[in-house]
Amino acid sequence: MEILLIQPPLPANIRHKRVLPLGLAYLASFIRDHSKDVNVEIIDALVLNITLPEVVKIISSKKRDVIAISFWK
């Protein structure tokens, strides 16, 4: 199973740039600890300094079973 967890480059997230996406990290850790044969990838667009179109390109680059998006509001 392929899982992609995303912290997108949204304006509200930019204000909190120094805050790590701990929720995504906790979720990835839990999945890895409790599921066999699961590949979990985290994309933090703010840290990687990538735009929303670049995030869409990453999403489209390969088939994933689950895609989750996190953001500040």
Foldseek 3Di string as FASTA:
>chain_A
DEEEEEAAPDPQCVVVLVDDPVVLVVVVVVCVVPDPPYDYYYYYCSVVVHHPVVVVCVPPVDDGPYYHYDYDD
